[in-house]
Amino acid sequence: MADHGHSQKEIADRINAPPGRGVLRDVVYGGIDGSVTTFAIVAGVAGAGLSPFVIVALGIANVLADGFSMAAGNYSGTKAELDNIRRIRAIEERHIALYPDGERQEVREILTQKGLAGPVLDEATQAITANRENWINLMLEGEYGLGSVDPHPMKAAMATFLAFLIAGMIPLLPFLFGLENAFVVSVWVTMGVFFAIGALKSRWSLAPWWRSGGETLAIGGAAALIAFGVGSLFHV
């Protein structure tokens, strides 16, 4: 089964309005870190033998503060990436204005690397350099390895924060609801979250769902064991 359609309209719509990189990386990043860091606090405090109230207080503080911190960091990082693209775009605009012949030669070289030669290369170079926006976009891709679709800092930040918030609250739910053996329940549901995030991630990779889920489970489980072990050293 094809991943997308190949009618003329479907091709035109997809190529003329590319979705960009999306928020998959931000959601996976926020979800894994939210569940890992929050459960690490739960495991560490439980290992120290402190009360469920302390676990909930520290856990909620972590979810809100660390989630906001991660979102702010992702926003700043993505904005820095966007600013860099704009800086390079301005450089190319200036170079095209000052050194058009040299920039045309760069376009020829990029197209040559893509397999064009002879009259086709000449025509393609002329066609691309006739449109300044297409010219700049080709230079961004061919010379700097940058895509023509700009990242969205606020979208990345919100995706990170919401994923962190949702995944980070799950280890706390057994304590919030006052369940018996809340720590044991928290362990199981958190391990389930680790595996589910990894399995979901496999939809956008070539790895089978069970391997991707197991890998994420192993990473989260290792962090939890370390936190619990350190907390146990301070058991009152």
C-alpha atoms as a PDB file:
ATOM      1  CA  MET A   1       0.000   0.000   0.000  1.00  0.00           C
ATOM      2  CA  ALA A   2       1.377   3.447  -0.968  1.00  0.00           C
ATOM      3  CA  ASP A   3       2.199   5.944   1.786  1.00  0.00           C
ATOM      4  CA  HIS A   4       0.609   8.750  -0.243  1.00  0.00           C
ATOM      5  CA  GLY A   5      -1.241   9.281  -3.486  1.00  0.00           C
ATOM      6  CA  HIS A   6       0.351  10.062  -6.826  1.00  0.00           C
ATOM      7  CA  SER A   7      -2.376  11.828  -8.752  1.00  0.00           C
ATOM      8  CA  GLN A   8      -1.364  15.168 -10.259  1.00  0.00           C
ATOM      9  CA  LYS A   9      -3.372  17.090  -7.644  1.00  0.00           C
ATOM     10  CA  GLU A  10      -1.997  15.046  -4.723  1.00  0.00           C
ATOM     11  CA  ILE A  11       1.556  15.538  -5.942  1.00  0.00           C
ATOM     12  CA  ALA A  12       1.080  19.282  -6.448  1.00  0.00           C
ATOM     13  CA  ASP A  13      -0.551  19.746  -3.033  1.00  0.00           C
ATOM     14  CA  ARG A  14       2.149  17.754  -1.240  1.00  0.00           C
ATOM     15  CA  ILE A  15       5.143  19.352  -2.969  1.00  0.00           C
ATOM     16  CA  ASN A  16       3.805  22.934  -2.891  1.00  0.00           C
ATOM     17  CA  ALA A  17       2.864  22.794   0.803  1.00  0.00           C
ATOM     18  CA  PRO A  18       5.352  20.477   2.554  1.00  0.00           C
ATOM     19  CA  PRO A  19       4.545  19.840   6.233  1.00  0.00           C
ATOM     20  CA  GLY A  20       8.113  20.352   7.433  1.00  0.00           C
ATOM     21  CA  ARG A  21       9.653  18.176  10.076  1.00  0.00           C
ATOM     22  CA  GLY A  22       6.535  18.220  12.299  1.00  0.00           C
ATOM     23  CA  VAL A  23       6.564  17.801  16.072  1.00  0.00           C
ATOM     24  CA  LEU A  24       7.386  14.082  16.355  1.00  0.00           C
ATOM     25  CA  ARG A  25      10.836  14.741  17.774  1.00  0.00           C
ATOM     26  CA  ASP A  26       9.442  17.260  20.273  1.00  0.00           C
ATOM     27  CA  VAL A  27       6.639  14.947  21.439  1.00  0.00           C
ATOM     28  CA  VAL A  28       8.938  11.931  21.871  1.00  0.00           C
ATOM     29  CA  TYR A  29      11.583  14.080  23.558  1.00  0.00           C
ATOM     30  CA  GLY A  30       9.098  15.663  25.971  1.00  0.00           C
ATOM     31  CA  GLY A  31       7.205  12.438  26.668  1.00  0.00           C
ATOM     32  CA  ILE A  32      10.257  10.335  27.451  1.00  0.00           C
ATOM     33  CA  ASP A  33      11.918  13.025  29.548  1.00  0.00           C
ATOM     34  CA  GLY A  34       8.689  13.779  31.407  1.00  0.00           C
ATOM     35  CA  SER A  35       8.088  10.184  32.415  1.00  0.00           C
ATOM     36  CA  VAL A  36      11.763   9.468  33.135  1.00  0.00           C
ATOM     37  CA  THR A  37      12.481  12.531  35.287  1.00  0.00           C
ATOM     38  CA  THR A  38       9.195  12.408  37.191  1.00  0.00           C
ATOM     39  CA  PHE A  39       9.484   8.712  37.913  1.00  0.00           C
ATOM     40  CA  ALA A  40      13.110   9.218  38.889  1.00  0.00           C
ATOM     41  CA  ILE A  41      11.873  11.613  41.571  1.00  0.00           C
ATOM     42  CA  VAL A  42       9.163   9.162  42.619  1.00  0.00           C
ATOM     43  CA  ALA A  43      11.673   6.309  42.819  1.00  0.00           C
ATOM     44  CA  GLY A  44      14.260   8.384  44.645  1.00  0.00           C
ATOM     45  CA  VAL A  45      11.833   9.714  47.244  1.00  0.00           C
ATOM     46  CA  ALA A  46      10.190   6.287  47.684  1.00  0.00           C
ATOM     47  CA  GLY A  47      13.623   4.734  48.065  1.00  0.00           C
ATOM     48  CA  ALA A  48      14.334   7.227  50.840  1.00  0.00           C
ATOM     49  CA  GLY A  49      11.135   6.115  52.581  1.00  0.00           C
ATOM     50  CA  LEU A  50       9.459   9.524  52.561  1.00  0.00           C
ATOM     51  CA  SER A  51       5.692  10.085  52.570  1.00  0.00           C
ATOM     52  CA  PRO A  52       3.404  10.025  49.496  1.00  0.00           C
ATOM     53  CA  PHE A  53       2.686  13.723  50.113  1.00  0.00           C
ATOM     54  CA  VAL A  54       6.351  14.552  49.530  1.00  0.00           C
ATOM     55  CA  ILE A  55       6.355  12.400  46.389  1.00  0.00           C
ATOM     56  CA  VAL A  56       3.320  14.232  44.980  1.00  0.00           C
ATOM     57  CA  ALA A  57       4.648  17.679  45.909  1.00  0.00           C
ATOM     58  CA  LEU A  58       8.054  17.110  44.370  1.00  0.00           C
ATOM     59  CA  GLY A  59       6.574  15.315  41.363  1.00  0.00           C
ATOM     60  CA  ILE A  60       4.140  18.100  40.487  1.00  0.00           C
ATOM     61  CA  ALA A  61       6.840  20.716  41.002  1.00  0.00           C
ATOM     62  CA  ASN A  62       9.059  18.784  38.605  1.00  0.00           C
ATOM     63  CA  VAL A  63       6.337  18.370  35.982  1.00  0.00           C
ATOM     64  CA  LEU A  64       5.536  22.075  35.900  1.00  0.00           C
ATOM     65  CA  ALA A  65       8.993  23.566  36.381  1.00  0.00           C
ATOM     66  CA  ASP A  66      11.030  21.084  34.366  1.00  0.00           C
ATOM     67  CA  GLY A  67       8.359  20.882  31.675  1.00  0.00           C
ATOM     68  CA  PHE A  68       8.397  24.654  31.284  1.00  0.00           C
ATOM     69  CA  SER A  69      12.183  24.669  31.320  1.00  0.00           C
ATOM     70  CA  MET A  70      12.339  22.046  28.581  1.00  0.00           C
ATOM     71  CA  ALA A  71       9.735  23.881  26.499  1.00  0.00           C
ATOM     72  CA  ALA A  72      11.629  27.155  26.904  1.00  0.00           C
ATOM     73  CA  GLY A  73      14.886  25.454  25.969  1.00  0.00           C
ATOM     74  CA  ASN A  74      13.322  23.849  22.907  1.00  0.00           C
ATOM     75  CA  TYR A  75      11.791  27.189  21.910  1.00  0.00           C
ATOM     76  CA  SER A  76      15.145  28.931  22.221  1.00  0.00           C
ATOM     77  CA  GLY A  77      16.970  26.178  20.342  1.00  0.00           C
ATOM     78  CA  THR A  78      14.424  26.065  17.520  1.00  0.00           C
ATOM     79  CA  LYS A  79      14.381  29.872  17.308  1.00  0.00           C
ATOM     80  CA  ALA A  80      18.173  29.878  17.112  1.00  0.00           C
ATOM     81  CA  GLU A  81      17.894  27.403  14.240  1.00  0.00           C
ATOM     82  CA  LEU A  82      15.351  29.667  12.538  1.00  0.00           C
ATOM     83  CA  ASP A  83      17.517  32.746  13.102  1.00  0.00           C
ATOM     84  CA  ASN A  84      20.471  30.920  11.559  1.00  0.00           C
ATOM     85  CA  ILE A  85      18.414  30.054   8.465  1.00  0.00           C
ATOM     86  CA  ARG A  86      17.385  33.694   8.135  1.00  0.00           C
ATOM     87  CA  ARG A  87      21.014  34.807   8.545  1.00  0.00           C
ATOM     88  CA  ILE A  88      22.184  32.433   5.818  1.00  0.00           C
ATOM     89  CA  ARG A  89      19.286  33.473   3.573  1.00  0.00           C
ATOM     90  CA  ALA A  90      20.363  37.121   3.970  1.00  0.00           C
ATOM     91  CA  ILE A  91      23.953  36.153   3.079  1.00  0.00           C
ATOM     92  CA  GLU A  92      22.787  34.414  -0.096  1.00  0.00           C
ATOM     93  CA  GLU A  93      20.578  37.360  -1.049  1.00  0.00           C
ATOM     94  CA  ARG A  94      23.572  39.688  -0.697  1.00  0.00           C
ATOM     95  CA  HIS A  95      25.862  37.345  -2.647  1.00  0.00           C
ATOM     96  CA  ILE A  96      23.332  37.058  -5.484  1.00  0.00           C
ATOM     97  CA  ALA A  97      23.128  40.841  -5.659  1.00  0.00           C
ATOM     98  CA  LEU A  98      26.924  41.359  -5.555  1.00  0.00           C
ATOM     99  CA  TYR A  99      28.295  38.241  -7.261  1.00  0.00           C
ATOM    100  CA  PRO A 100      25.541  36.874  -9.542  1.00  0.00           C
ATOM    101  CA  ASP A 101      27.928  35.067 -11.912  1.00  0.00           C
ATOM    102  CA  GLY A 102      29.664  33.249  -9.060  1.00  0.00           C
ATOM    103  CA  GLU A 103      26.331  32.250  -7.526  1.00  0.00           C
ATOM    104  CA  ARG A 104      25.162  30.917 -10.908  1.00  0.00           C
ATOM    105  CA  GLN A 105      28.281  28.777 -11.028  1.00  0.00           C
ATOM    106  CA  GLU A 106      27.379  27.409  -7.600  1.00  0.00           C
ATOM    107  CA  VAL A 107      23.905  26.540  -8.880  1.00  0.00           C
ATOM    108  CA  ARG A 108      25.494  24.716 -11.837  1.00  0.00           C
ATOM    109  CA  GLU A 109      27.720  22.762  -9.475  1.00  0.00           C
ATOM    110  CA  ILE A 110      24.786  21.778  -7.246  1.00  0.00           C
ATOM    111  CA  LEU A 111      22.763  20.630 -10.265  1.00  0.00           C
ATOM    112  CA  THR A 112      25.784  18.778 -11.636  1.00  0.00           C
ATOM    113  CA  GLN A 113      25.998  16.859  -8.364  1.00  0.00           C
ATOM    114  CA  LYS A 114      22.355  15.899  -8.885  1.00  0.00           C
ATOM    115  CA  GLY A 115      23.193  14.311 -12.239  1.00  0.00           C
ATOM    116  CA  LEU A 116      22.389  17.067 -14.766  1.00  0.00           C
ATOM    117  CA  ALA A 117      24.720  17.778 -17.667  1.00  0.00           C
ATOM    118  CA  GLY A 118      24.884  19.409 -21.097  1.00  0.00           C
ATOM    119  CA  PRO A 119      21.974  21.484 -22.427  1.00  0.00           C
ATOM    120  CA  VAL A 120      19.666  20.239 -19.657  1.00  0.00           C
ATOM    121  CA  LEU A 121      22.082  21.627 -17.064  1.00  0.00           C
ATOM    122  CA  ASP A 122      22.222  24.984 -18.854  1.00  0.00           C
ATOM    123  CA  GLU A 123      18.438  25.229 -19.102  1.00  0.00           C
ATOM    124  CA  ALA A 124      17.884  24.179 -15.496  1.00  0.00           C
ATOM    125  CA  THR A 125      20.449  26.698 -14.235  1.00  0.00           C
ATOM    126  CA  GLN A 126      18.823  29.460 -16.252  1.00  0.00           C
ATOM    127  CA  ALA A 127      15.318  28.521 -15.082  1.00  0.00           C
ATOM    128  CA  ILE A 128      16.247  28.383 -11.400  1.00  0.00           C
ATOM    129  CA  THR A 129      18.276  31.586 -11.361  1.00  0.00           C
ATOM    130  CA  ALA A 130      15.425  33.412 -13.113  1.00  0.00           C
ATOM    131  CA  ASN A 131      13.444  33.202  -9.868  1.00  0.00           C
ATOM    132  CA  ARG A 132      15.257  34.676  -6.862  1.00  0.00           C
ATOM    133  CA  GLU A 133      13.268  32.708  -4.255  1.00  0.00           C
ATOM    134  CA  ASN A 134      13.890  29.387  -5.998  1.00  0.00           C
ATOM    135  CA  TRP A 135      17.528  30.367  -6.412  1.00  0.00           C
ATOM    136  CA  ILE A 136      17.967  31.053  -2.697  1.00  0.00           C
ATOM    137  CA  ASN A 137      16.109  27.908  -1.664  1.00  0.00           C
ATOM    138  CA  LEU A 138      18.357  25.767  -3.857  1.00  0.00           C
ATOM    139  CA  MET A 139      21.444  27.391  -2.341  1.00  0.00           C
ATOM    140  CA  LEU A 140      20.158  26.752   1.182  1.00  0.00           C
ATOM    141  CA  GLU A 141      19.664  23.084   0.386  1.00  0.00           C
ATOM    142  CA  GLY A 142      22.665  22.454  -1.829  1.00  0.00           C
ATOM    143  CA  GLU A 143      25.301  24.589  -0.124  1.00  0.00           C
ATOM    144  CA  TYR A 144      24.214  24.459   3.530  1.00  0.00           C
ATOM    145  CA  GLY A 145      22.051  21.331   3.759  1.00  0.00           C
ATOM    146  CA  LEU A 146      19.041  23.307   5.037  1.00  0.00           C
ATOM    147  CA  GLY A 147      15.422  22.645   4.128  1.00  0.00           C
ATOM    148  CA  SER A 148      13.190  25.274   2.577  1.00  0.00           C
ATOM    149  CA  VAL A 149      10.508  24.801   5.278  1.00  0.00           C
ATOM    150  CA  ASP A 150      11.295  26.900   8.350  1.00  0.00           C
ATOM    151  CA  PRO A 151      10.895  25.382  11.845  1.00  0.00           C
ATOM    152  CA  HIS A 152       8.201  26.693  14.220  1.00  0.00           C
ATOM    153  CA  PRO A 153       9.625  27.548  17.685  1.00  0.00           C
ATOM    154  CA  MET A 154       6.277  28.003  19.470  1.00  0.00           C
ATOM    155  CA  LYS A 155       4.803  24.814  18.035  1.00  0.00           C
ATOM    156  CA  ALA A 156       7.908  22.887  19.089  1.00  0.00           C
ATOM    157  CA  ALA A 157       7.766  24.370  22.601  1.00  0.00           C
ATOM    158  CA  MET A 158       4.060  23.609  23.095  1.00  0.00           C
ATOM    159  CA  ALA A 159       4.454  20.034  21.831  1.00  0.00           C
ATOM    160  CA  THR A 160       7.345  19.458  24.233  1.00  0.00           C
ATOM    161  CA  PHE A 161       5.518  20.940  27.227  1.00  0.00           C
ATOM    162  CA  LEU A 162       2.226  19.082  26.646  1.00  0.00           C
ATOM    163  CA  ALA A 163       3.993  15.753  26.083  1.00  0.00           C
ATOM    164  CA  PHE A 164       6.096  16.318  29.212  1.00  0.00           C
ATOM    165  CA  LEU A 165       3.020  17.281  31.243  1.00  0.00           C
ATOM    166  CA  ILE A 166       0.914  14.284  30.176  1.00  0.00           C
ATOM    167  CA  ALA A 167       3.653  11.667  30.448  1.00  0.00           C
ATOM    168  CA  GLY A 168       5.092  13.225  33.609  1.00  0.00           C
ATOM    169  CA  MET A 169       1.794  13.081  35.505  1.00  0.00           C
ATOM    170  CA  ILE A 170       1.263   9.347  34.970  1.00  0.00           C
ATOM    171  CA  PRO A 171       3.824   8.167  37.594  1.00  0.00           C
ATOM    172  CA  LEU A 172       2.079  10.424  40.142  1.00  0.00           C
ATOM    173  CA  LEU A 173      -1.487   9.213  39.571  1.00  0.00           C
ATOM    174  CA  PRO A 174      -1.348   6.221  41.982  1.00  0.00           C
ATOM    175  CA  PHE A 175      -0.241   8.587  44.766  1.00  0.00           C
ATOM    176  CA  LEU A 176      -2.788  11.254  43.870  1.00  0.00           C
ATOM    177  CA  PHE A 177      -5.598   8.677  44.044  1.00  0.00           C
ATOM    178  CA  GLY A 178      -4.221   7.175  47.261  1.00  0.00           C
ATOM    179  CA  LEU A 179      -3.985   3.657  45.839  1.00  0.00           C
ATOM    180  CA  GLU A 180      -2.675   0.810  47.938  1.00  0.00           C
ATOM    181  CA  ASN A 181       0.912  -0.098  47.037  1.00  0.00           C
ATOM    182  CA  ALA A 182       1.050   3.139  45.070  1.00  0.00           C
ATOM    183  CA  PHE A 183       4.748   2.820  44.308  1.00  0.00           C
ATOM    184  CA  VAL A 184       4.367  -0.648  42.788  1.00  0.00           C
ATOM    185  CA  VAL A 185       1.449   0.565  40.668  1.00  0.00           C
ATOM    186  CA  SER A 186       3.482   3.602  39.629  1.00  0.00           C
ATOM    187  CA  VAL A 187       6.342   1.353  38.539  1.00  0.00           C
ATOM    188  CA  TRP A 188       4.091  -0.727  36.286  1.00  0.00           C
ATOM    189  CA  VAL A 189       2.186   2.134  34.690  1.00  0.00           C
ATOM    190  CA  THR A 190       5.388   4.091  34.097  1.00  0.00           C
ATOM    191  CA  MET A 191       7.077   1.109  32.501  1.00  0.00           C
ATOM    192  CA  GLY A 192       3.998   0.826  30.319  1.00  0.00           C
ATOM    193  CA  VAL A 193       4.364   4.473  29.308  1.00  0.00           C
ATOM    194  CA  PHE A 194       8.028   3.964  28.434  1.00  0.00           C
ATOM    195  CA  PHE A 195       7.157   0.993  26.239  1.00  0.00           C
ATOM    196  CA  ALA A 196       4.160   2.747  24.645  1.00  0.00           C
ATOM    197  CA  ILE A 197       6.205   5.812  23.691  1.00  0.00           C
ATOM    198  CA  GLY A 198       8.867   3.630  22.118  1.00  0.00           C
ATOM    199  CA  ALA A 199       6.300   1.498  20.299  1.00  0.00           C
ATOM    200  CA  LEU A 200       4.554   4.615  18.983  1.00  0.00           C
ATOM    201  CA  LYS A 201       7.897   6.009  17.834  1.00  0.00           C
ATOM    202  CA  SER A 202       8.423   2.921  15.679  1.00  0.00           C
ATOM    203  CA  ARG A 203       5.619   4.073  13.387  1.00  0.00           C
ATOM    204  CA  TRP A 204       8.068   6.608  11.951  1.00  0.00           C
ATOM    205  CA  SER A 205      11.055   4.272  11.799  1.00  0.00           C
ATOM    206  CA  LEU A 206      12.060   0.941  10.284  1.00  0.00           C
ATOM    207  CA  ALA A 207      12.473  -0.745  13.684  1.00  0.00           C
ATOM    208  CA  PRO A 208       9.716  -3.163  14.788  1.00  0.00           C
ATOM    209  CA  TRP A 209       7.405  -1.798  17.486  1.00  0.00           C
ATOM    210  CA  TRP A 210       8.553  -4.283  20.115  1.00  0.00           C
ATOM    211  CA  ARG A 211      12.228  -3.414  19.652  1.00  0.00           C
ATOM    212  CA  SER A 212      11.614   0.336  19.762  1.00  0.00           C
ATOM    213  CA  GLY A 213       9.392  -0.084  22.818  1.00  0.00           C
ATOM    214  CA  GLY A 214      11.933  -2.304  24.561  1.00  0.00           C
ATOM    215  CA  GLU A 215      14.731   0.168  23.887  1.00  0.00           C
ATOM    216  CA  THR A 216      12.799   3.060  25.430  1.00  0.00           C
ATOM    217  CA  LEU A 217      11.740   0.822  28.336  1.00  0.00           C
ATOM    218  CA  ALA A 218      15.371  -0.085  28.997  1.00  0.00           C
ATOM    219  CA  ILE A 219      16.454   3.574  29.017  1.00  0.00           C
ATOM    220  CA  GLY A 220      13.665   4.641  31.355  1.00  0.00           C
ATOM    221  CA  GLY A 221      14.094   1.597  33.583  1.00  0.00           C
ATOM    222  CA  ALA A 222      17.812   2.253  33.967  1.00  0.00           C
ATOM    223  CA  ALA A 223      17.143   5.850  35.036  1.00  0.00           C
ATOM    224  CA  ALA A 224      14.520   4.656  37.532  1.00  0.00           C
ATOM    225  CA  LEU A 225      16.855   2.025  39.031  1.00  0.00           C
ATOM    226  CA  ILE A 226      19.612   4.600  39.476  1.00  0.00           C
ATOM    227  CA  ALA A 227      17.226   7.028  41.200  1.00  0.00           C
ATOM    228  CA  PHE A 228      15.776   4.338  43.462  1.00  0.00           C
ATOM    229  CA  GLY A 229      19.255   3.088  44.365  1.00  0.00           C
ATOM    230  CA  VAL A 230      20.459   6.576  45.285  1.00  0.00           C
ATOM    231  CA  GLY A 231      17.296   7.253  47.258  1.00  0.00           C
ATOM    232  CA  SER A 232      17.726   4.001  49.163  1.00  0.00           C
ATOM    233  CA  LEU A 233      21.076   5.228  50.435  1.00  0.00           C
ATOM    234  CA  PHE A 234      19.211   7.940  52.344  1.00  0.00           C
ATOM    235  CA  HIS A 235      16.391   5.761  53.644  1.00  0.00           C
ATOM    236  CA  VAL A 236      15.324   7.111  57.001  1.00  0.00           C
END
